[in-house]
Amino acid sequence: MKERRLLKQTLVDAQRLLEELARSADLAPFRELVWPLVEHDRERRSDLVRTLRAYFAAGGNASEAADRMFLHRNSLLYRLERIRKLTGLDLRDPGVALALQLGLLALEKGEPDEAEHP
């Protein structure tokens, strides 16, 4: 029981830490990593930012992310390749994945006009 309370408190503390970090200027370089996707989405009314979020939410599982987005797996793979080309980053690299997730967090907590397309 004590372990469960400790785990719950740790998760609450982690969420608070992420919220504070998201509001800080320290995430600006990470936001820049995902900014090409935001611009692409705005210019072409695509869903690359949403796709990247779904991919990470699915633990990097393309099939599960495709299911969550109601896409064919090949469509999702095409989008991931487009993300790779626009960012120049390999999503399978754990360090890159973390950096992109921090960038997404920064977008989420950023100004409304810096978010995804309407």
PDB file of N, CA and C in Angstrom:
ATOM      1  N   MET A   1       0.820  -1.187   0.000  1.00  0.00           N
ATOM      2  CA  MET A   1       0.000   0.000   0.000  1.00  0.00           C
ATOM      3  C   MET A   1       0.872   1.262   0.000  1.00  0.00           C
ATOM      4  N   LYS A   2       1.918   1.254   0.803  1.00  0.00           N
ATOM      5  CA  LYS A   2       2.815   2.396   0.883  1.00  0.00           C
ATOM      6  C   LYS A   2       3.512   2.619  -0.461  1.00  0.00           C
ATOM      7  N   GLU A   3       3.883   1.525  -1.125  1.00  0.00           N
ATOM      8  CA  GLU A   3       4.546   1.626  -2.425  1.00  0.00           C
ATOM      9  C   GLU A   3       3.621   2.267  -3.459  1.00  0.00           C
ATOM     10  N   ARG A   4       2.354   1.920  -3.374  1.00  0.00           N
ATOM     11  CA  ARG A   4       1.375   2.460  -4.318  1.00  0.00           C
ATOM     12  C   ARG A   4       1.192   3.972  -4.130  1.00  0.00           C
ATOM     13  N   ARG A   5       1.140   4.409  -2.877  1.00  0.00           N
ATOM     14  CA  ARG A   5       1.037   5.844  -2.597  1.00  0.00           C
ATOM     15  C   ARG A   5       2.285   6.571  -3.074  1.00  0.00           C
ATOM     16  N   LEU A   6       3.436   5.964  -2.849  1.00  0.00           N
ATOM     17  CA  LEU A   6       4.694   6.555  -3.292  1.00  0.00           C
ATOM     18  C   LEU A   6       4.716   6.673  -4.813  1.00  0.00           C
ATOM     19  N   LEU A   7       4.284   5.641  -5.508  1.00  0.00           N
ATOM     20  CA  LEU A   7       4.229   5.660  -6.964  1.00  0.00           C
ATOM     21  C   LEU A   7       3.279   6.751  -7.453  1.00  0.00           C
ATOM     22  N   LYS A   8       2.122   6.838  -6.831  1.00  0.00           N
ATOM     23  CA  LYS A   8       1.139   7.851  -7.213  1.00  0.00           C
ATOM     24  C   LYS A   8       1.706   9.247  -7.012  1.00  0.00           C
ATOM     25  N   GLN A   9       2.349   9.485  -5.879  1.00  0.00           N
ATOM     26  CA  GLN A   9       2.946  10.792  -5.605  1.00  0.00           C
ATOM     27  C   GLN A   9       4.073  11.082  -6.592  1.00  0.00           C
ATOM     28  N   THR A  10       4.856  10.095  -6.939  1.00  0.00           N
ATOM     29  CA  THR A  10       5.937  10.271  -7.901  1.00  0.00           C
ATOM     30  C   THR A  10       5.377  10.676  -9.260  1.00  0.00           C
ATOM     31  N   LEU A  11       4.279  10.053  -9.671  1.00  0.00           N
ATOM     32  CA  LEU A  11       3.656  10.394 -10.944  1.00  0.00           C
ATOM     33  C   LEU A  11       3.099  11.824 -10.925  1.00  0.00           C
ATOM     34  N   VAL A  12       2.519  12.219  -9.817  1.00  0.00           N
ATOM     35  CA  VAL A  12       2.014  13.585  -9.674  1.00  0.00           C
ATOM     36  C   VAL A  12       3.182  14.569  -9.744  1.00  0.00           C
ATOM     37  N   ASP A  13       4.260  14.261  -9.047  1.00  0.00           N
ATOM     38  CA  ASP A  13       5.445  15.122  -9.065  1.00  0.00           C
ATOM     39  C   ASP A  13       6.033  15.204 -10.474  1.00  0.00           C
ATOM     40  N   ALA A  14       6.060  14.090 -11.181  1.00  0.00           N
ATOM     41  CA  ALA A  14       6.593  14.072 -12.540  1.00  0.00           C
ATOM     42  C   ALA A  14       5.738  14.943 -13.455  1.00  0.00           C
ATOM     43  N   GLN A  15       4.440  14.858 -13.323  1.00  0.00           N
ATOM     44  CA  GLN A  15       3.536  15.678 -14.138  1.00  0.00           C
ATOM     45  C   GLN A  15       3.748  17.157 -13.852  1.00  0.00           C
ATOM     46  N   ARG A  16       3.888  17.489 -12.600  1.00  0.00           N
ATOM     47  CA  ARG A  16       4.137  18.889 -12.209  1.00  0.00           C
ATOM     48  C   ARG A  16       5.465  19.374 -12.804  1.00  0.00           C
ATOM     49  N   LEU A  17       6.476  18.547 -12.731  1.00  0.00           N
ATOM     50  CA  LEU A  17       7.784  18.891 -13.290  1.00  0.00           C
ATOM     51  C   LEU A  17       7.688  19.124 -14.793  1.00  0.00           C
ATOM     52  N   LEU A  18       6.976  18.248 -15.504  1.00  0.00           N
ATOM     53  CA  LEU A  18       6.819  18.405 -16.947  1.00  0.00           C
ATOM     54  C   LEU A  18       6.061  19.686 -17.294  1.00  0.00           C
ATOM     55  N   GLU A  19       5.052  20.020 -16.514  1.00  0.00           N
ATOM     56  CA  GLU A  19       4.304  21.251 -16.759  1.00  0.00           C
ATOM     57  C   GLU A  19       5.175  22.484 -16.553  1.00  0.00           C
ATOM     58  N   GLU A  20       6.002  22.464 -15.523  1.00  0.00           N
ATOM     59  CA  GLU A  20       6.905  23.581 -15.284  1.00  0.00           C
ATOM     60  C   GLU A  20       7.938  23.683 -16.399  1.00  0.00           C
ATOM     61  N   LEU A  21       8.467  22.552 -16.796  1.00  0.00           N
ATOM     62  CA  LEU A  21       9.457  22.518 -17.868  1.00  0.00           C
ATOM     63  C   LEU A  21       8.861  23.012 -19.180  1.00  0.00           C
ATOM     64  N   ALA A  22       7.631  22.628 -19.455  1.00  0.00           N
ATOM     65  CA  ALA A  22       6.975  23.022 -20.705  1.00  0.00           C
ATOM     66  C   ALA A  22       6.835  24.532 -20.820  1.00  0.00           C
ATOM     67  N   ARG A  23       6.704  25.212 -19.713  1.00  0.00           N
ATOM     68  CA  ARG A  23       6.538  26.671 -19.718  1.00  0.00           C
ATOM     69  C   ARG A  23       7.878  27.409 -19.744  1.00  0.00           C
ATOM     70  N   SER A  24       8.955  26.678 -19.580  1.00  0.00           N
ATOM     71  CA  SER A  24      10.254  27.339 -19.488  1.00  0.00           C
ATOM     72  C   SER A  24      10.874  27.534 -20.875  1.00  0.00           C
ATOM     73  N   ALA A  25      11.765  28.492 -20.942  1.00  0.00           N
ATOM     74  CA  ALA A  25      12.486  28.762 -22.185  1.00  0.00           C
ATOM     75  C   ALA A  25      13.469  27.641 -22.510  1.00  0.00           C
ATOM     76  N   ASP A  26      13.720  26.768 -21.557  1.00  0.00           N
ATOM     77  CA  ASP A  26      14.672  25.676 -21.771  1.00  0.00           C
ATOM     78  C   ASP A  26      14.238  24.725 -22.884  1.00  0.00           C
ATOM     79  N   LEU A  27      12.943  24.707 -23.188  1.00  0.00           N
ATOM     80  CA  LEU A  27      12.458  23.803 -24.228  1.00  0.00           C
ATOM     81  C   LEU A  27      12.485  24.418 -25.626  1.00  0.00           C
ATOM     82  N   ALA A  28      12.864  25.671 -25.735  1.00  0.00           N
ATOM     83  CA  ALA A  28      12.877  26.336 -27.041  1.00  0.00           C
ATOM     84  C   ALA A  28      13.664  25.551 -28.100  1.00  0.00           C
ATOM     85  N   PRO A  29      14.851  25.041 -27.790  1.00  0.00           N
ATOM     86  CA  PRO A  29      15.569  24.279 -28.823  1.00  0.00           C
ATOM     87  C   PRO A  29      14.818  23.014 -29.259  1.00  0.00           C
ATOM     88  N   PHE A  30      14.078  22.428 -28.344  1.00  0.00           N
ATOM     89  CA  PHE A  30      13.319  21.222 -28.684  1.00  0.00           C
ATOM     90  C   PHE A  30      12.111  21.577 -29.549  1.00  0.00           C
ATOM     91  N   ARG A  31      11.510  22.725 -29.264  1.00  0.00           N
ATOM     92  CA  ARG A  31      10.389  23.200 -30.077  1.00  0.00           C
ATOM     93  C   ARG A  31      10.858  23.400 -31.521  1.00  0.00           C
ATOM     94  N   GLU A  32      12.076  23.887 -31.675  1.00  0.00           N
ATOM     95  CA  GLU A  32      12.620  24.111 -33.017  1.00  0.00           C
ATOM     96  C   GLU A  32      12.739  22.801 -33.807  1.00  0.00           C
ATOM     97  N   LEU A  33      12.926  21.695 -33.115  1.00  0.00           N
ATOM     98  CA  LEU A  33      13.023  20.405 -33.800  1.00  0.00           C
ATOM     99  C   LEU A  33      11.717  20.021 -34.483  1.00  0.00           C
ATOM    100  N   VAL A  34      10.601  20.363 -33.873  1.00  0.00           N
ATOM    101  CA  VAL A  34       9.302  19.985 -34.437  1.00  0.00           C
ATOM    102  C   VAL A  34       8.670  21.125 -35.243  1.00  0.00           C
ATOM    103  N   TRP A  35       9.287  22.298 -35.224  1.00  0.00           N
ATOM    104  CA  TRP A  35       8.700  23.430 -35.920  1.00  0.00           C
ATOM    105  C   TRP A  35       8.508  23.185 -37.425  1.00  0.00           C
ATOM    106  N   PRO A  36       9.417  22.487 -38.114  1.00  0.00           N
ATOM    107  CA  PRO A  36       9.161  22.214 -39.542  1.00  0.00           C
ATOM    108  C   PRO A  36       7.851  21.444 -39.760  1.00  0.00           C
ATOM    109  N   LEU A  37       7.472  20.628 -38.802  1.00  0.00           N
ATOM    110  CA  LEU A  37       6.217  19.876 -38.917  1.00  0.00           C
ATOM    111  C   LEU A  37       5.022  20.807 -38.750  1.00  0.00           C
ATOM    112  N   VAL A  38       5.122  21.741 -37.817  1.00  0.00           N
ATOM    113  CA  VAL A  38       4.052  22.717 -37.603  1.00  0.00           C
ATOM    114  C   VAL A  38       3.852  23.537 -38.872  1.00  0.00           C
ATOM    115  N   GLU A  39       4.937  23.989 -39.445  1.00  0.00           N
ATOM    116  CA  GLU A  39       4.850  24.792 -40.669  1.00  0.00           C
ATOM    117  C   GLU A  39       4.268  23.969 -41.814  1.00  0.00           C
ATOM    118  N   HIS A  40       4.711  22.741 -41.951  1.00  0.00           N
ATOM    119  CA  HIS A  40       4.193  21.855 -42.996  1.00  0.00           C
ATOM    120  C   HIS A  40       2.695  21.647 -42.814  1.00  0.00           C
ATOM    121  N   ASP A  41       2.285  21.414 -41.585  1.00  0.00           N
ATOM    122  CA  ASP A  41       0.859  21.217 -41.301  1.00  0.00           C
ATOM    123  C   ASP A  41       0.050  22.463 -41.666  1.00  0.00           C
ATOM    124  N   ARG A  42       0.568  23.629 -41.340  1.00  0.00           N
ATOM    125  CA  ARG A  42      -0.137  24.875 -41.655  1.00  0.00           C
ATOM    126  C   ARG A  42      -0.241  25.102 -43.158  1.00  0.00           C
ATOM    127  N   GLU A  43       0.865  24.895 -43.852  1.00  0.00           N
ATOM    128  CA  GLU A  43       0.902  25.162 -45.285  1.00  0.00           C
ATOM    129  C   GLU A  43       0.089  24.156 -46.088  1.00  0.00           C
ATOM    130  N   ARG A  44       0.090  22.910 -45.651  1.00  0.00           N
ATOM    131  CA  ARG A  44      -0.541  21.854 -46.439  1.00  0.00           C
ATOM    132  C   ARG A  44      -1.755  21.224 -45.770  1.00  0.00           C
ATOM    133  N   ARG A  45      -2.118  21.774 -44.619  1.00  0.00           N
ATOM    134  CA  ARG A  45      -3.254  21.249 -43.849  1.00  0.00           C
ATOM    135  C   ARG A  45      -3.103  19.740 -43.632  1.00  0.00           C
ATOM    136  N   SER A  46      -1.904  19.344 -43.271  1.00  0.00           N
ATOM    137  CA  SER A  46      -1.627  17.934 -42.985  1.00  0.00           C
ATOM    138  C   SER A  46      -1.670  17.702 -41.474  1.00  0.00           C
ATOM    139  N   ASP A  47      -1.369  16.510 -41.058  1.00  0.00           N
ATOM    140  CA  ASP A  47      -1.452  16.133 -39.643  1.00  0.00           C
ATOM    141  C   ASP A  47      -0.161  15.487 -39.140  1.00  0.00           C
ATOM    142  N   LEU A  48       0.975  16.059 -39.483  1.00  0.00           N
ATOM    143  CA  LEU A  48       2.232  15.437 -39.079  1.00  0.00           C
ATOM    144  C   LEU A  48       2.478  15.555 -37.577  1.00  0.00           C
ATOM    145  N   VAL A  49       2.122  16.688 -36.987  1.00  0.00           N
ATOM    146  CA  VAL A  49       2.305  16.834 -35.536  1.00  0.00           C
ATOM    147  C   VAL A  49       1.408  15.831 -34.814  1.00  0.00           C
ATOM    148  N   ARG A  50       0.181  15.752 -35.232  1.00  0.00           N
ATOM    149  CA  ARG A  50      -0.762  14.794 -34.627  1.00  0.00           C
ATOM    150  C   ARG A  50      -0.272  13.353 -34.832  1.00  0.00           C
ATOM    151  N   THR A  51       0.274  13.072 -36.000  1.00  0.00           N
ATOM    152  CA  THR A  51       0.813  11.747 -36.292  1.00  0.00           C
ATOM    153  C   THR A  51       1.967  11.415 -35.353  1.00  0.00           C
ATOM    154  N   LEU A  52       2.858  12.368 -35.160  1.00  0.00           N
ATOM    155  CA  LEU A  52       3.998  12.143 -34.269  1.00  0.00           C
ATOM    156  C   LEU A  52       3.532  11.901 -32.840  1.00  0.00           C
ATOM    157  N   ARG A  53       2.559  12.671 -32.401  1.00  0.00           N
ATOM    158  CA  ARG A  53       2.009  12.457 -31.054  1.00  0.00           C
ATOM    159  C   ARG A  53       1.405  11.060 -30.923  1.00  0.00           C
ATOM    160  N   ALA A  54       0.649  10.650 -31.922  1.00  0.00           N
ATOM    161  CA  ALA A  54       0.023   9.320 -31.888  1.00  0.00           C
ATOM    162  C   ALA A  54       1.080   8.227 -31.882  1.00  0.00           C
ATOM    163  N   TYR A  55       2.118   8.417 -32.653  1.00  0.00           N
ATOM    164  CA  TYR A  55       3.207   7.434 -32.729  1.00  0.00           C
ATOM    165  C   TYR A  55       3.866   7.259 -31.360  1.00  0.00           C
ATOM    166  N   PHE A  56       4.157   8.370 -30.705  1.00  0.00           N
ATOM    167  CA  PHE A  56       4.774   8.272 -29.378  1.00  0.00           C
ATOM    168  C   PHE A  56       3.790   7.745 -28.345  1.00  0.00           C
ATOM    169  N   ALA A  57       2.533   8.134 -28.447  1.00  0.00           N
ATOM    170  CA  ALA A  57       1.513   7.640 -27.512  1.00  0.00           C
ATOM    171  C   ALA A  57       1.338   6.125 -27.642  1.00  0.00           C
ATOM    172  N   ALA A  58       1.622   5.612 -28.832  1.00  0.00           N
ATOM    173  CA  ALA A  58       1.526   4.174 -29.071  1.00  0.00           C
ATOM    174  C   ALA A  58       2.848   3.471 -28.777  1.00  0.00           C
ATOM    175  N   GLY A  59       3.751   4.147 -28.117  1.00  0.00           N
ATOM    176  CA  GLY A  59       5.025   3.543 -27.746  1.00  0.00           C
ATOM    177  C   GLY A  59       5.912   3.238 -28.937  1.00  0.00           C
ATOM    178  N   GLY A  60       5.760   4.009 -30.015  1.00  0.00           N
ATOM    179  CA  GLY A  60       6.582   3.790 -31.198  1.00  0.00           C
ATOM    180  C   GLY A  60       6.093   2.645 -32.065  1.00  0.00           C
ATOM    181  N   ASN A  61       4.897   2.170 -31.799  1.00  0.00           N
ATOM    182  CA  ASN A  61       4.311   1.072 -32.574  1.00  0.00           C
ATOM    183  C   ASN A  61       3.471   1.682 -33.704  1.00  0.00           C
ATOM    184  N   ALA A  62       3.964   1.559 -34.935  1.00  0.00           N
ATOM    185  CA  ALA A  62       3.300   2.177 -36.083  1.00  0.00           C
ATOM    186  C   ALA A  62       1.911   1.594 -36.320  1.00  0.00           C
ATOM    187  N   SER A  63       1.763   0.300 -36.149  1.00  0.00           N
ATOM    188  CA  SER A  63       0.448  -0.320 -36.373  1.00  0.00           C
ATOM    189  C   SER A  63      -0.578   0.202 -35.384  1.00  0.00           C
ATOM    190  N   GLU A  64      -0.183   0.286 -34.128  1.00  0.00           N
ATOM    191  CA  GLU A  64      -1.107   0.793 -33.107  1.00  0.00           C
ATOM    192  C   GLU A  64      -1.429   2.270 -33.343  1.00  0.00           C
ATOM    193  N   ALA A  65      -0.419   3.042 -33.718  1.00  0.00           N
ATOM    194  CA  ALA A  65      -0.649   4.461 -33.999  1.00  0.00           C
ATOM    195  C   ALA A  65      -1.607   4.619 -35.179  1.00  0.00           C
ATOM    196  N   ALA A  66      -1.429   3.798 -36.205  1.00  0.00           N
ATOM    197  CA  ALA A  66      -2.328   3.842 -37.363  1.00  0.00           C
ATOM    198  C   ALA A  66      -3.758   3.528 -36.933  1.00  0.00           C
ATOM    199  N   ASP A  67      -3.917   2.522 -36.105  1.00  0.00           N
ATOM    200  CA  ASP A  67      -5.254   2.169 -35.607  1.00  0.00           C
ATOM    201  C   ASP A  67      -5.867   3.327 -34.827  1.00  0.00           C
ATOM    202  N   ARG A  68      -5.078   3.968 -33.988  1.00  0.00           N
ATOM    203  CA  ARG A  68      -5.577   5.089 -33.181  1.00  0.00           C
ATOM    204  C   ARG A  68      -6.018   6.265 -34.046  1.00  0.00           C
ATOM    205  N   MET A  69      -5.364   6.397 -35.213  1.00  0.00           N
ATOM    206  CA  MET A  69      -5.684   7.511 -36.098  1.00  0.00           C
ATOM    207  C   MET A  69      -6.646   7.099 -37.219  1.00  0.00           C
ATOM    208  N   PHE A  70      -7.081   5.854 -37.200  1.00  0.00           N
ATOM    209  CA  PHE A  70      -7.973   5.322 -38.227  1.00  0.00           C
ATOM    210  C   PHE A  70      -7.350   5.448 -39.613  1.00  0.00           C
ATOM    211  N   LEU A  71      -6.056   5.083 -39.682  1.00  0.00           N
ATOM    212  CA  LEU A  71      -5.311   5.118 -40.932  1.00  0.00           C
ATOM    213  C   LEU A  71      -4.848   3.720 -41.290  1.00  0.00           C
ATOM    214  N   HIS A  72      -4.570   3.520 -42.561  1.00  0.00           N
ATOM    215  CA  HIS A  72      -3.891   2.303 -42.973  1.00  0.00           C
ATOM    216  C   HIS A  72      -2.447   2.418 -42.491  1.00  0.00           C
ATOM    217  N   ARG A  73      -1.859   1.313 -42.114  1.00  0.00           N
ATOM    218  CA  ARG A  73      -0.486   1.328 -41.592  1.00  0.00           C
ATOM    219  C   ARG A  73       0.477   1.979 -42.577  1.00  0.00           C
ATOM    220  N   ASN A  74       0.316   1.697 -43.873  1.00  0.00           N
ATOM    221  CA  ASN A  74       1.213   2.288 -44.872  1.00  0.00           C
ATOM    222  C   ASN A  74       1.089   3.803 -44.923  1.00  0.00           C
ATOM    223  N   SER A  75      -0.096   4.329 -44.690  1.00  0.00           N
ATOM    224  CA  SER A  75      -0.280   5.786 -44.646  1.00  0.00           C
ATOM    225  C   SER A  75       0.486   6.380 -43.478  1.00  0.00           C
ATOM    226  N   LEU A  76       0.417   5.700 -42.353  1.00  0.00           N
ATOM    227  CA  LEU A  76       1.152   6.186 -41.189  1.00  0.00           C
ATOM    228  C   LEU A  76       2.658   6.105 -41.448  1.00  0.00           C
ATOM    229  N   LEU A  77       3.115   5.015 -42.045  1.00  0.00           N
ATOM    230  CA  LEU A  77       4.542   4.885 -42.355  1.00  0.00           C
ATOM    231  C   LEU A  77       4.994   5.975 -43.321  1.00  0.00           C
ATOM    232  N   TYR A  78       4.146   6.306 -44.283  1.00  0.00           N
ATOM    233  CA  TYR A  78       4.467   7.392 -45.205  1.00  0.00           C
ATOM    234  C   TYR A  78       4.627   8.704 -44.437  1.00  0.00           C
ATOM    235  N   ARG A  79       3.714   8.971 -43.513  1.00  0.00           N
ATOM    236  CA  ARG A  79       3.796  10.196 -42.715  1.00  0.00           C
ATOM    237  C   ARG A  79       5.057  10.214 -41.857  1.00  0.00           C
ATOM    238  N   LEU A  80       5.399   9.076 -41.265  1.00  0.00           N
ATOM    239  CA  LEU A  80       6.624   9.009 -40.446  1.00  0.00           C
ATOM    240  C   LEU A  80       7.862   9.281 -41.297  1.00  0.00           C
ATOM    241  N   GLU A  81       7.854   8.783 -42.513  1.00  0.00           N
ATOM    242  CA  GLU A  81       8.977   9.049 -43.420  1.00  0.00           C
ATOM    243  C   GLU A  81       9.024  10.538 -43.769  1.00  0.00           C
ATOM    244  N   ARG A  82       7.888  11.139 -43.961  1.00  0.00           N
ATOM    245  CA  ARG A  82       7.824  12.574 -44.240  1.00  0.00           C
ATOM    246  C   ARG A  82       8.356  13.364 -43.038  1.00  0.00           C
ATOM    247  N   ILE A  83       8.000  12.930 -41.841  1.00  0.00           N
ATOM    248  CA  ILE A  83       8.517  13.562 -40.618  1.00  0.00           C
ATOM    249  C   ILE A  83      10.030  13.436 -40.569  1.00  0.00           C
ATOM    250  N   ARG A  84      10.537  12.259 -40.891  1.00  0.00           N
ATOM    251  CA  ARG A  84      11.988  12.045 -40.892  1.00  0.00           C
ATOM    252  C   ARG A  84      12.677  12.984 -41.882  1.00  0.00           C
ATOM    253  N   LYS A  85      12.098  13.122 -43.065  1.00  0.00           N
ATOM    254  CA  LYS A  85      12.707  13.994 -44.079  1.00  0.00           C
ATOM    255  C   LYS A  85      12.662  15.465 -43.669  1.00  0.00           C
ATOM    256  N   LEU A  86      11.556  15.886 -43.112  1.00  0.00           N
ATOM    257  CA  LEU A  86      11.424  17.290 -42.723  1.00  0.00           C
ATOM    258  C   LEU A  86      12.319  17.657 -41.548  1.00  0.00           C
ATOM    259  N   THR A  87      12.481  16.741 -40.607  1.00  0.00           N
ATOM    260  CA  THR A  87      13.300  17.033 -39.421  1.00  0.00           C
ATOM    261  C   THR A  87      14.748  16.604 -39.592  1.00  0.00           C
ATOM    262  N   GLY A  88      14.970  15.629 -40.469  1.00  0.00           N
ATOM    263  CA  GLY A  88      16.319  15.079 -40.622  1.00  0.00           C
ATOM    264  C   GLY A  88      16.703  14.167 -39.472  1.00  0.00           C
ATOM    265  N   LEU A  89      15.701  13.692 -38.717  1.00  0.00           N
ATOM    266  CA  LEU A  89      15.964  12.902 -37.511  1.00  0.00           C
ATOM    267  C   LEU A  89      15.402  11.493 -37.629  1.00  0.00           C
ATOM    268  N   ASP A  90      16.088  10.552 -36.983  1.00  0.00           N
ATOM    269  CA  ASP A  90      15.661   9.151 -36.958  1.00  0.00           C
ATOM    270  C   ASP A  90      14.807   8.913 -35.718  1.00  0.00           C
ATOM    271  N   LEU A  91      13.514   8.684 -35.926  1.00  0.00           N
ATOM    272  CA  LEU A  91      12.582   8.510 -34.805  1.00  0.00           C
ATOM    273  C   LEU A  91      12.879   7.279 -33.962  1.00  0.00           C
ATOM    274  N   ARG A  92      13.631   6.343 -34.505  1.00  0.00           N
ATOM    275  CA  ARG A  92      13.929   5.114 -33.753  1.00  0.00           C
ATOM    276  C   ARG A  92      15.051   5.302 -32.742  1.00  0.00           C
ATOM    277  N   ASP A  93      15.778   6.396 -32.849  1.00  0.00           N
ATOM    278  CA  ASP A  93      16.853   6.704 -31.902  1.00  0.00           C
ATOM    279  C   ASP A  93      16.214   7.206 -30.611  1.00  0.00           C
ATOM    280  N   PRO A  94      16.489   6.544 -29.477  1.00  0.00           N
ATOM    281  CA  PRO A  94      15.842   6.937 -28.216  1.00  0.00           C
ATOM    282  C   PRO A  94      16.093   8.397 -27.816  1.00  0.00           C
ATOM    283  N   GLY A  95      17.281   8.899 -28.054  1.00  0.00           N
ATOM    284  CA  GLY A  95      17.589  10.288 -27.720  1.00  0.00           C
ATOM    285  C   GLY A  95      16.804  11.259 -28.589  1.00  0.00           C
ATOM    286  N   VAL A  96      16.691  10.926 -29.865  1.00  0.00           N
ATOM    287  CA  VAL A  96      15.912  11.739 -30.794  1.00  0.00           C
ATOM    288  C   VAL A  96      14.442  11.700 -30.395  1.00  0.00           C
ATOM    289  N   ALA A  97      13.953  10.509 -30.062  1.00  0.00           N
ATOM    290  CA  ALA A  97      12.551  10.369 -29.659  1.00  0.00           C
ATOM    291  C   ALA A  97      12.260  11.240 -28.436  1.00  0.00           C
ATOM    292  N   LEU A  98      13.150  11.237 -27.465  1.00  0.00           N
ATOM    293  CA  LEU A  98      12.965  12.068 -26.273  1.00  0.00           C
ATOM    294  C   LEU A  98      12.969  13.547 -26.646  1.00  0.00           C
ATOM    295  N   ALA A  99      13.918  13.945 -27.476  1.00  0.00           N
ATOM    296  CA  ALA A  99      14.005  15.354 -27.882  1.00  0.00           C
ATOM    297  C   ALA A  99      12.731  15.788 -28.610  1.00  0.00           C
ATOM    298  N   LEU A 100      12.216  14.939 -29.481  1.00  0.00           N
ATOM    299  CA  LEU A 100      10.985  15.276 -30.197  1.00  0.00           C
ATOM    300  C   LEU A 100       9.785  15.323 -29.262  1.00  0.00           C
ATOM    301  N   GLN A 101       9.755  14.431 -28.290  1.00  0.00           N
ATOM    302  CA  GLN A 101       8.658  14.456 -27.319  1.00  0.00           C
ATOM    303  C   GLN A 101       8.702  15.727 -26.485  1.00  0.00           C
ATOM    304  N   LEU A 102       9.900  16.184 -26.146  1.00  0.00           N
ATOM    305  CA  LEU A 102      10.029  17.450 -25.427  1.00  0.00           C
ATOM    306  C   LEU A 102       9.576  18.610 -26.315  1.00  0.00           C
ATOM    307  N   GLY A 103       9.884  18.525 -27.596  1.00  0.00           N
ATOM    308  CA  GLY A 103       9.419  19.537 -28.539  1.00  0.00           C
ATOM    309  C   GLY A 103       7.908  19.566 -28.628  1.00  0.00           C
ATOM    310  N   LEU A 104       7.286  18.401 -28.660  1.00  0.00           N
ATOM    311  CA  LEU A 104       5.827  18.325 -28.680  1.00  0.00           C
ATOM    312  C   LEU A 104       5.235  18.885 -27.391  1.00  0.00           C
ATOM    313  N   LEU A 105       5.880  18.604 -26.277  1.00  0.00           N
ATOM    314  CA  LEU A 105       5.428  19.151 -24.997  1.00  0.00           C
ATOM    315  C   LEU A 105       5.490  20.673 -25.019  1.00  0.00           C
ATOM    316  N   ALA A 106       6.569  21.200 -25.567  1.00  0.00           N
ATOM    317  CA  ALA A 106       6.710  22.653 -25.661  1.00  0.00           C
ATOM    318  C   ALA A 106       5.619  23.246 -26.547  1.00  0.00           C
ATOM    319  N   LEU A 107       5.283  22.578 -27.635  1.00  0.00           N
ATOM    320  CA  LEU A 107       4.200  23.059 -28.508  1.00  0.00           C
ATOM    321  C   LEU A 107       2.871  23.042 -27.776  1.00  0.00           C
ATOM    322  N   GLU A 108       2.649  21.970 -27.059  1.00  0.00           N
ATOM    323  CA  GLU A 108       1.383  21.795 -26.331  1.00  0.00           C
ATOM    324  C   GLU A 108       1.159  22.915 -25.337  1.00  0.00           C
ATOM    325  N   LYS A 109       2.212  23.354 -24.682  1.00  0.00           N
ATOM    326  CA  LYS A 109       2.104  24.383 -23.653  1.00  0.00           C
ATOM    327  C   LYS A 109       2.416  25.772 -24.195  1.00  0.00           C
ATOM    328  N   GLY A 110       2.693  25.864 -25.514  1.00  0.00           N
ATOM    329  CA  GLY A 110       3.050  27.146 -26.112  1.00  0.00           C
ATOM    330  C   GLY A 110       1.848  28.009 -26.399  1.00  0.00           C
ATOM    331  N   GLU A 111       2.086  29.048 -27.126  1.00  0.00           N
ATOM    332  CA  GLU A 111       1.025  29.974 -27.514  1.00  0.00           C
ATOM    333  C   GLU A 111       0.055  29.279 -28.447  1.00  0.00           C
ATOM    334  N   PRO A 112      -1.224  29.633 -28.402  1.00  0.00           N
ATOM    335  CA  PRO A 112      -2.218  29.014 -29.267  1.00  0.00           C
ATOM    336  C   PRO A 112      -1.884  29.127 -30.745  1.00  0.00           C
ATOM    337  N   ASP A 113      -1.284  30.249 -31.188  1.00  0.00           N
ATOM    338  CA  ASP A 113      -0.974  30.393 -32.596  1.00  0.00           C
ATOM    339  C   ASP A 113       0.232  29.577 -33.025  1.00  0.00           C
ATOM    340  N   GLU A 114       0.938  28.987 -32.069  1.00  0.00           N
ATOM    341  CA  GLU A 114       2.071  28.139 -32.394  1.00  0.00           C
ATOM    342  C   GLU A 114       1.682  26.669 -32.408  1.00  0.00           C
ATOM    343  N   ALA A 115       0.449  26.390 -32.136  1.00  0.00           N
ATOM    344  CA  ALA A 115      -0.013  24.996 -32.099  1.00  0.00           C
ATOM    345  C   ALA A 115      -0.302  24.522 -33.506  1.00  0.00           C
ATOM    346  N   GLU A 116      -0.900  23.339 -33.585  1.00  0.00           N
ATOM    347  CA  GLU A 116      -1.224  22.750 -34.858  1.00  0.00           C
ATOM    348  C   GLU A 116      -2.188  23.645 -35.627  1.00  0.00           C
ATOM    349  N   HIS A 117      -2.367  23.310 -36.894  1.00  0.00           N
ATOM    350  CA  HIS A 117      -3.274  24.105 -37.731  1.00  0.00           C
ATOM    351  C   HIS A 117      -4.702  24.018 -37.216  1.00  0.00           C
ATOM    352  N   PRO A 118      -5.526  25.005 -37.548  1.00  0.00           N
ATOM    353  CA  PRO A 118      -6.908  25.017 -37.030  1.00  0.00           C
ATOM    354  C   PRO A 118      -7.741  23.866 -37.556  1.00  0.00           C
TER     355      PRO A 118
END
